[in-house]
Protein backbone atom coordinates (compact mmCIF):
# COMPACT_ATOMS: atom_id res chain seq x y z
CA MET A 1 110.92 126.27 67.13
CA SER A 2 107.66 125.35 67.42
CA THR A 3 105.26 127.53 69.20
CA ALA A 4 102.34 125.35 68.90
CA GLN A 5 100.52 124.19 72.01
CA ASP A 6 100.26 120.50 72.74
CA PRO A 7 96.31 119.62 72.03
CA ALA A 8 95.88 118.26 75.46
CA THR A 9 96.84 121.80 76.90
CA ALA A 10 95.19 123.85 74.47
CA ALA A 11 91.65 121.89 75.32
CA ARG A 12 92.46 122.31 79.00
CA THR A 13 93.00 126.22 78.56
CA ARG A 14 90.06 126.34 76.30
CA LEU A 15 87.66 123.92 78.55
CA ALA A 16 88.69 126.34 81.36
CA GLY A 17 87.60 129.42 79.98
CA LEU A 18 84.19 127.48 79.09
CA ILE A 19 83.64 126.90 82.53
CA SER A 20 84.22 130.21 83.54
CA GLU A 21 81.67 131.42 81.15
CA ALA A 22 79.48 129.03 81.77
CA MET A 23 79.69 129.78 85.54
CA ASP A 24 78.92 133.69 84.61
CA GLY A 25 82.46 134.38 85.60
CA GLN A 26 82.01 133.68 89.25
CA LEU A 27 85.37 131.77 89.09
CA ALA A 28 88.25 132.86 86.75
CA ALA A 29 89.93 130.47 84.10
CA ALA A 30 93.42 130.87 85.31
CA ASP A 31 91.72 129.51 89.14
CA ILE A 32 90.17 126.55 87.59
CA LEU A 33 93.14 125.64 85.51
CA THR A 34 95.00 125.13 89.26
CA ALA A 35 92.02 123.91 91.21
CA ARG A 36 91.72 120.57 92.03
CA GLY A 37 88.56 118.52 92.28
CA THR A 38 85.41 117.88 90.37
CA LEU A 39 83.18 120.49 88.67
CA THR A 40 80.67 120.45 91.33
CA GLU A 41 83.21 120.66 94.03
CA LEU A 42 84.44 123.65 92.40
CA GLY A 43 81.05 125.46 92.50
CA VAL A 44 79.56 124.76 88.97
CA SER A 45 76.09 124.47 89.79
CA SER A 46 73.59 122.50 87.64
CA LEU A 47 72.59 125.23 85.59
CA ALA A 48 76.08 125.87 84.72
CA LEU A 49 76.86 122.37 83.89
CA LEU A 50 73.79 122.68 81.43
CA ARG A 51 75.68 125.97 79.71
CA LEU A 52 79.02 124.01 79.57
CA ALA A 53 77.54 120.87 77.92
CA ASP A 54 75.89 123.11 75.69
CA ALA A 55 79.27 125.16 74.80
CA LEU A 56 81.04 121.96 74.32
CA GLU A 57 78.58 120.10 71.70
CA ASP A 58 78.73 123.78 69.91
CA GLU A 59 82.84 124.11 69.88
CA PHE A 60 83.83 120.34 70.31
CA GLY A 61 81.02 118.52 68.82
CA VAL A 62 81.03 116.39 71.78
CA GLU A 63 77.65 114.84 73.22
CA LEU A 64 77.63 114.42 76.97
CA ASP A 65 74.91 112.82 78.75
CA LEU A 66 73.40 114.94 81.56
CA ALA A 67 71.47 112.05 82.96
CA ASP A 68 75.04 110.15 83.41
CA PRO A 69 76.16 110.86 87.32
CA ALA A 70 79.72 110.70 86.19
CA PHE A 71 79.50 113.90 84.14
CA TYR A 72 78.87 115.93 87.36
CA GLN A 73 82.17 113.71 88.88
CA GLU A 74 84.39 114.98 86.30
CA ASP A 75 87.34 117.23 86.92
CA ILE A 76 88.99 119.57 84.57
CA ASP A 77 91.58 116.89 83.50
CA SER A 78 89.07 114.27 82.90
CA LEU A 79 86.83 116.25 80.60
CA ALA A 80 89.86 117.65 78.48
CA ALA A 81 90.98 114.13 78.18
CA ARG A 82 87.94 113.08 76.46
CA LEU A 83 87.85 115.97 74.30
CA VAL A 84 91.24 115.24 73.11
CA THR A 85 90.57 111.62 72.51
CA ARG A 86 87.14 111.77 70.99
């Protein structure tokens, strides 16, 4: 029996932690995992989005275009999918 976590689930879990860190813990990772809505609807500020983009670049090697309005409308599932499919 394997205890390895599905890559999409692992990415989503790690992403929730990074979002929480970027928000200085204002929203717990567990709450982010169960929440619905875009990052901005969850209360992720523009400064937190910058921190998150930096963290994703460092940890996953993903470059996010901060000038792209679509980035600000991402939800945790769509952003996690980008991390897994890159």
